[in-house]
Protein backbone atom coordinates (compact mmCIF):
# COMPACT_ATOMS: atom_id res chain seq x y z
CA MET A 1 98.69 44.78 100.11
CA GLU A 2 98.07 46.16 96.65
CA LEU A 3 96.48 49.44 95.58
CA THR A 4 94.66 49.68 92.26
CA ILE A 5 93.67 53.11 90.99
CA ILE A 6 90.07 52.83 89.79
CA GLY A 7 89.39 56.57 89.60
CA CYS A 8 91.63 59.52 90.43
CA SER A 9 90.08 62.55 88.73
CA GLY A 10 89.49 65.44 91.10
CA SER A 11 86.02 66.82 91.86
CA PHE A 12 84.32 65.21 88.84
CA PRO A 13 85.10 62.49 86.28
CA GLY A 14 87.66 63.45 83.67
CA PRO A 15 88.14 62.20 80.11
CA GLU A 16 90.63 59.55 81.23
CA SER A 17 89.44 58.64 84.71
CA PRO A 18 86.34 58.47 86.90
CA ALA A 19 86.18 60.35 90.17
CA SER A 20 87.78 58.99 93.35
CA CYS A 21 87.88 55.23 93.87
CA TYR A 22 90.83 53.14 95.07
CA MET A 23 90.82 49.36 95.50
CA LEU A 24 92.97 47.63 98.12
CA SER A 25 93.64 43.89 97.91
CA ALA A 26 95.30 41.53 100.37
CA GLU A 27 95.46 37.78 101.02
CA HIS A 28 93.82 36.52 104.19
CA GLU A 29 92.45 33.17 105.35
CA GLY A 30 92.97 31.51 101.99
CA ARG A 31 91.40 34.10 99.71
CA THR A 32 91.85 37.61 98.35
CA TRP A 33 90.03 40.35 100.24
CA ARG A 34 89.11 43.54 98.39
CA ILE A 35 87.84 46.86 99.68
CA ILE A 36 87.43 50.21 97.99
CA LEU A 37 88.19 53.63 99.39
CA ASP A 38 85.47 55.90 98.01
CA LEU A 39 83.12 55.24 95.10
CA GLY A 40 82.82 58.50 93.17
CA ASN A 41 80.75 59.15 90.09
CA GLY A 42 81.82 57.05 87.12
CA ALA A 43 83.88 54.60 89.18
CA LEU A 44 81.49 51.65 89.28
CA GLY A 45 81.97 50.83 85.61
CA LYS A 46 85.76 50.90 85.77
CA LEU A 47 85.73 48.80 88.93
CA GLN A 48 84.14 45.97 86.94
CA GLN A 49 87.17 45.86 84.65
CA HIS A 50 89.11 44.58 87.66
CA ILE A 51 86.72 42.48 89.77
CA ALA A 52 83.24 41.05 89.85
CA LEU A 53 81.13 43.29 92.06
CA GLU A 54 80.14 40.26 94.14
CA ASP A 55 83.79 39.90 95.22
CA LEU A 56 83.85 43.31 96.90
CA ASP A 57 84.15 42.98 100.69
CA ALA A 58 83.43 46.57 101.79
CA VAL A 59 83.10 50.19 100.72
CA CYS A 60 84.92 52.78 102.86
CA LEU A 61 83.95 56.43 102.33
CA SER A 62 86.16 59.37 103.28
CA HIS A 63 83.32 61.92 103.14
CA LEU A 64 79.99 62.64 101.49
CA HIS A 65 80.74 64.86 98.52
CA PRO A 66 79.32 63.29 95.32
CA ASP A 67 82.69 62.68 93.69
CA HIS A 68 83.48 60.30 96.57
CA TYR A 69 80.27 58.34 97.13
CA MET A 70 77.62 58.86 94.45
CA ASP A 71 78.14 55.56 92.61
CA LEU A 72 76.66 53.80 95.63
CA CYS A 73 73.42 54.42 93.74
CA GLY A 74 74.54 52.16 90.91
CA LEU A 75 75.92 49.56 93.29
CA HIS A 76 72.53 49.49 95.03
CA VAL A 77 70.89 48.64 91.68
CA ALA A 78 73.45 45.88 91.03
CA ILE A 79 72.73 44.34 94.43
CA ARG A 80 68.95 44.78 94.45
CA TRP A 81 68.25 43.52 90.94
CA ARG A 82 70.97 40.90 90.34
CA PRO A 83 69.27 37.88 88.74
CA GLY A 84 69.24 35.07 91.27
CA GLY A 85 69.88 37.45 94.14
CA TRP A 86 73.05 38.87 95.66
CA PRO A 87 75.29 36.17 97.19
CA GLY A 88 76.33 36.43 100.80
CA LYS A 89 75.50 39.03 103.40
CA HIS A 90 74.69 42.69 102.89
CA LEU A 91 77.70 44.66 101.69
CA PRO A 92 79.32 46.72 104.50
CA VAL A 93 79.54 50.47 103.84
CA PHE A 94 81.66 52.44 106.30
CA GLY A 95 81.29 56.21 106.21
CA PRO A 96 80.19 59.36 108.02
CA ILE A 97 77.02 59.39 110.06
CA TYR A 98 73.87 59.71 107.94
CA THR A 99 75.48 58.08 104.90
CA ASP A 100 72.36 55.91 104.66
CA GLN A 101 70.07 58.95 104.58
CA ARG A 102 72.19 60.89 102.10
CA ILE A 103 72.33 58.07 99.57
CA ALA A 104 68.60 57.34 99.95
CA ASN A 105 67.85 61.00 99.26
CA ALA A 106 70.16 60.96 96.25
CA TYR A 107 68.14 58.08 94.80
CA GLY A 108 64.77 59.58 95.70
CA MET A 109 63.99 56.92 98.30
CA GLU A 110 62.52 57.17 101.75
CA PRO A 111 65.35 56.66 104.27
CA ASP A 112 63.40 53.85 105.94
CA PRO A 113 64.16 51.25 104.72
CA GLY A 114 66.17 53.12 102.06
CA MET A 115 69.14 51.02 100.96
CA HIS A 116 69.43 49.10 104.25
CA PRO A 117 68.24 45.87 102.56
CA ASP A 118 71.35 46.07 100.36
CA PHE A 119 74.03 47.69 102.51
CA ASP A 120 75.17 47.25 106.09
CA PHE A 121 75.83 50.90 106.99
CA CYS A 122 78.48 51.47 109.67
CA SER A 123 79.43 54.95 110.90
CA TRP A 124 83.05 55.89 111.46
CA ASN A 125 84.12 56.85 114.96
CA PRO A 126 87.11 59.22 114.77
CA TRP A 127 90.42 57.50 115.61
CA GLN A 128 88.65 54.17 116.26
CA ALA A 129 90.01 51.36 114.11
CA GLU A 130 87.70 49.01 112.20
CA GLN A 131 88.72 45.52 111.08
CA ILE A 132 87.68 44.21 107.66
CA GLY A 133 89.40 40.89 107.00
CA PRO A 134 93.13 41.68 106.91
CA PHE A 135 92.59 45.46 106.79
CA THR A 136 92.76 47.62 109.90
CA ILE A 137 91.29 51.01 108.99
CA THR A 138 91.51 54.08 111.21
CA PRO A 139 89.48 57.18 110.25
CA VAL A 140 91.20 60.44 111.15
CA PRO A 141 89.30 63.76 110.96
CA VAL A 142 90.81 66.21 108.47
CA ARG A 143 90.18 69.73 107.18
CA HIS A 144 87.53 70.01 104.47
CA PRO A 145 84.28 72.05 104.26
CA ILE A 146 81.80 69.32 105.19
CA ASP A 147 80.52 68.00 108.51
CA GLU A 148 82.73 64.90 108.48
CA ALA A 149 85.86 64.39 106.39
CA TYR A 150 88.39 61.66 107.12
CA ALA A 151 91.80 60.51 106.08
CA LEU A 152 91.90 56.71 106.17
CA ARG A 153 94.96 54.91 107.56
CA VAL A 154 94.96 51.30 106.37
CA GLN A 155 97.30 48.65 107.74
CA VAL A 156 97.86 45.00 106.80
CA SER A 157 100.32 42.56 108.34
CA GLY A 158 102.61 41.07 105.71
CA GLU A 159 103.86 37.50 105.57
CA ASP A 160 107.10 38.70 107.15
CA GLY A 161 105.15 40.08 110.12
CA ARG A 162 105.80 43.70 109.13
CA LEU A 163 102.87 46.08 108.93
CA ARG A 164 102.22 47.59 105.51
CA THR A 165 100.63 51.02 105.84
CA LEU A 166 98.74 53.07 103.26
CA THR A 167 97.23 56.43 104.14
CA TYR A 168 94.58 57.95 101.92
CA SER A 169 94.13 61.66 102.56
CA GLY A 170 90.55 61.91 101.36
CA ASP A 171 89.90 65.60 100.67
CA THR A 172 91.69 68.01 102.98
CA ASP A 173 93.87 71.06 103.35
CA ALA A 174 97.03 70.88 105.44
CA CYS A 175 96.43 69.99 109.10
CA ASP A 176 98.14 68.23 112.01
CA ASN A 177 95.73 65.30 111.88
CA LEU A 178 96.72 64.54 108.30
CA VAL A 179 100.35 64.27 109.39
CA GLU A 180 99.36 61.88 112.18
CA ALA A 181 97.23 59.79 109.82
CA ALA A 182 100.17 59.44 107.42
CA ARG A 183 102.89 58.98 110.05
CA GLY A 184 105.46 56.49 108.71
CA ALA A 185 103.18 55.24 105.93
CA ASP A 186 104.77 53.17 103.19
CA LEU A 187 102.50 54.85 100.64
CA PHE A 188 100.73 58.19 101.07
CA LEU A 189 97.90 58.54 98.55
CA CYS A 190 97.40 62.27 98.85
CA GLU A 191 95.09 64.69 97.12
CA ALA A 192 96.52 67.73 95.35
CA ALA A 193 93.56 69.39 93.68
CA PHE A 194 94.78 72.98 93.81
CA GLU A 195 97.42 74.30 91.46
CA ASP A 196 100.36 76.08 93.07
CA GLY A 197 100.42 79.79 92.23
CA ARG A 198 96.84 79.79 90.97
CA ASP A 199 94.73 78.68 93.93
CA ASP A 200 96.92 79.78 96.84
CA HIS A 201 94.30 82.22 98.12
CA ILE A 202 91.79 79.43 98.93
CA GLU A 203 92.02 78.07 102.48
CA GLY A 204 90.64 74.96 104.14
CA VAL A 205 89.54 73.01 101.06
CA HIS A 206 92.34 71.19 99.20
CA LEU A 207 96.09 70.73 99.10
CA ASN A 208 98.42 71.88 96.35
CA GLY A 209 101.72 70.27 95.39
CA HIS A 210 103.77 72.31 97.87
CA ARG A 211 101.52 71.53 100.84
CA ALA A 212 101.15 67.85 99.89
CA GLY A 213 104.95 67.58 99.92
CA GLU A 214 105.11 69.32 103.28
CA MET A 215 102.60 66.88 104.76
CA ALA A 216 104.54 63.90 103.37
CA THR A 217 107.83 65.19 104.77
CA ALA A 218 106.35 65.93 108.20
CA ALA A 219 104.85 62.42 108.31
CA GLY A 220 108.03 60.69 107.14
CA VAL A 221 106.29 58.62 104.46
CA GLY A 222 108.05 56.24 102.11
CA ARG A 223 106.30 57.26 98.93
CA LEU A 224 103.98 60.09 97.90
CA LEU A 225 101.36 59.41 95.23
CA LEU A 226 99.43 62.53 94.21
CA THR A 227 95.78 62.09 93.28
CA HIS A 228 92.38 63.84 92.98
CA ILE A 229 93.76 66.18 90.31
CA PRO A 230 91.07 67.99 88.28
CA VAL A 231 91.39 68.31 84.53
CA TRP A 232 92.24 72.01 84.82
CA THR A 233 95.16 71.47 87.23
CA SER A 234 98.67 70.94 85.86
CA GLN A 235 100.33 67.72 86.99
CA ARG A 236 103.69 69.16 85.96
CA ILE A 237 103.27 72.16 88.26
CA LEU A 238 102.09 69.96 91.13
CA LEU A 239 105.09 67.66 90.82
CA GLU A 240 107.51 70.54 90.54
CA HIS A 241 106.27 72.12 93.76
CA ALA A 242 105.85 68.83 95.63
CA ARG A 243 109.46 67.93 94.86
CA GLY A 244 110.47 71.22 96.45
CA THR A 245 109.12 70.09 99.82
CA PHE A 246 109.44 66.28 99.64
CA THR A 247 112.67 64.57 98.59
CA GLY A 248 111.39 61.00 98.61
CA ASP A 249 109.80 58.90 95.89
CA ILE A 250 106.92 60.80 94.28
CA ALA A 251 104.54 60.22 91.37
CA VAL A 252 101.06 61.05 90.09
CA ALA A 253 98.38 58.36 90.36
CA VAL A 254 97.35 56.83 87.03
CA GLY A 255 94.00 55.15 86.48
CA GLY A 256 94.20 51.39 86.01
CA VAL A 257 97.64 50.99 87.56
CA THR A 258 98.27 48.67 90.52
CA TYR A 259 100.92 49.47 93.13
CA ARG A 260 102.32 47.10 95.73
CA VAL A 261 102.32 48.72 99.17
CA GLY A 262 105.46 47.96 101.12
CA PRO A 263 108.89 49.41 101.87
CA SER A 264 109.74 52.36 99.62
CA GLY A 265 111.83 50.25 97.26
CA ASP A 266 108.96 47.78 96.97
CA ALA A 267 106.17 50.16 95.97
CA ALA A 268 106.67 50.50 92.24
CA PRO A 269 103.74 50.00 89.87
CA GLN A 270 103.05 46.32 89.26
CA THR A 271 100.82 46.58 86.19
CA SER A 272 100.29 48.98 83.34
CA PRO A 273 96.87 50.46 82.61
CA ALA A 274 95.42 47.94 80.16
CA PRO A 275 91.77 47.20 79.44
CA ALA A 276 90.49 43.97 80.91
CA VAL A 277 88.49 41.55 78.81
CA VAL A 278 87.37 39.03 81.42
CA VAL A 279 87.43 39.46 85.18
CA ALA A 280 87.11 36.09 86.90
CA SER A 281 85.57 36.03 90.34
CA ASP A 282 86.99 34.18 93.33
CA HIS A 283 83.74 32.21 93.21
CA PRO A 284 83.10 29.76 90.33
CA GLU A 285 79.65 31.16 89.58
CA ARG A 286 80.86 34.74 89.37
CA THR A 287 82.40 35.85 86.10
CA VAL A 288 82.02 39.30 84.62
CA ARG A 289 82.75 40.10 81.01
CA THR A 290 83.72 43.62 80.14
CA GLN A 291 84.27 45.46 76.87
CA ARG A 292 87.57 46.78 75.65
CA ASP A 293 88.01 50.55 75.84
């Protein structure tokens, strides 16, 4: 399994990255399967530097704040108005209940039919795993000020028979469920939006570096990758405090970089952030040309 950072800016797009969007890729049944965890504002454009949109197998949403789902509006346009029609079945979208109504309202549409002609909306059931090709995804409720917020535990069986596990925190403050979601994960993609020493008085919204490190240590993860960092939050301060509570491998997510998810010594970045010129689809008729940055 590979993780590609499409967008990692916290709360809104930054000058170097869109808001939250993370692509997972794995081989299964003779082809590459690709899903994204969240599709925040600004992410749809960057996603097309890596794949043709037609090659996306599913969208998995952690919660319904705009920086995690709003680019579904643009994806709806790409599906609805693609010349020649959209190939294959409707695109699955997994998320909180009423995702279909929220995105229809965001686009100014009546919820019936809303975007149902384009998306196959599926609601998460807490702790109940969903299977998408090679990916087993378990949504775990976490602590964030919205009706439903989930950490997503994603597992894929490797060629050696060993499970590769990535846990994405979504947005959350420290909580026992986050530890359980990340238990023994090879890679813990964990938000750290609040700056240590500046935002310590705010409870129940986001993690800081110290608390992200505590969660990683309690869960016994192989690697901690900090993400969802707003432009006004210091990465240096986050890393300094996270290293005080987590002694394992730790880094800050970088847009455009791909990481291999496996044992801790096997999780180093595999590619550098470089602009794509041509993204070739798995299907002969699907080729997307993109511009250099």
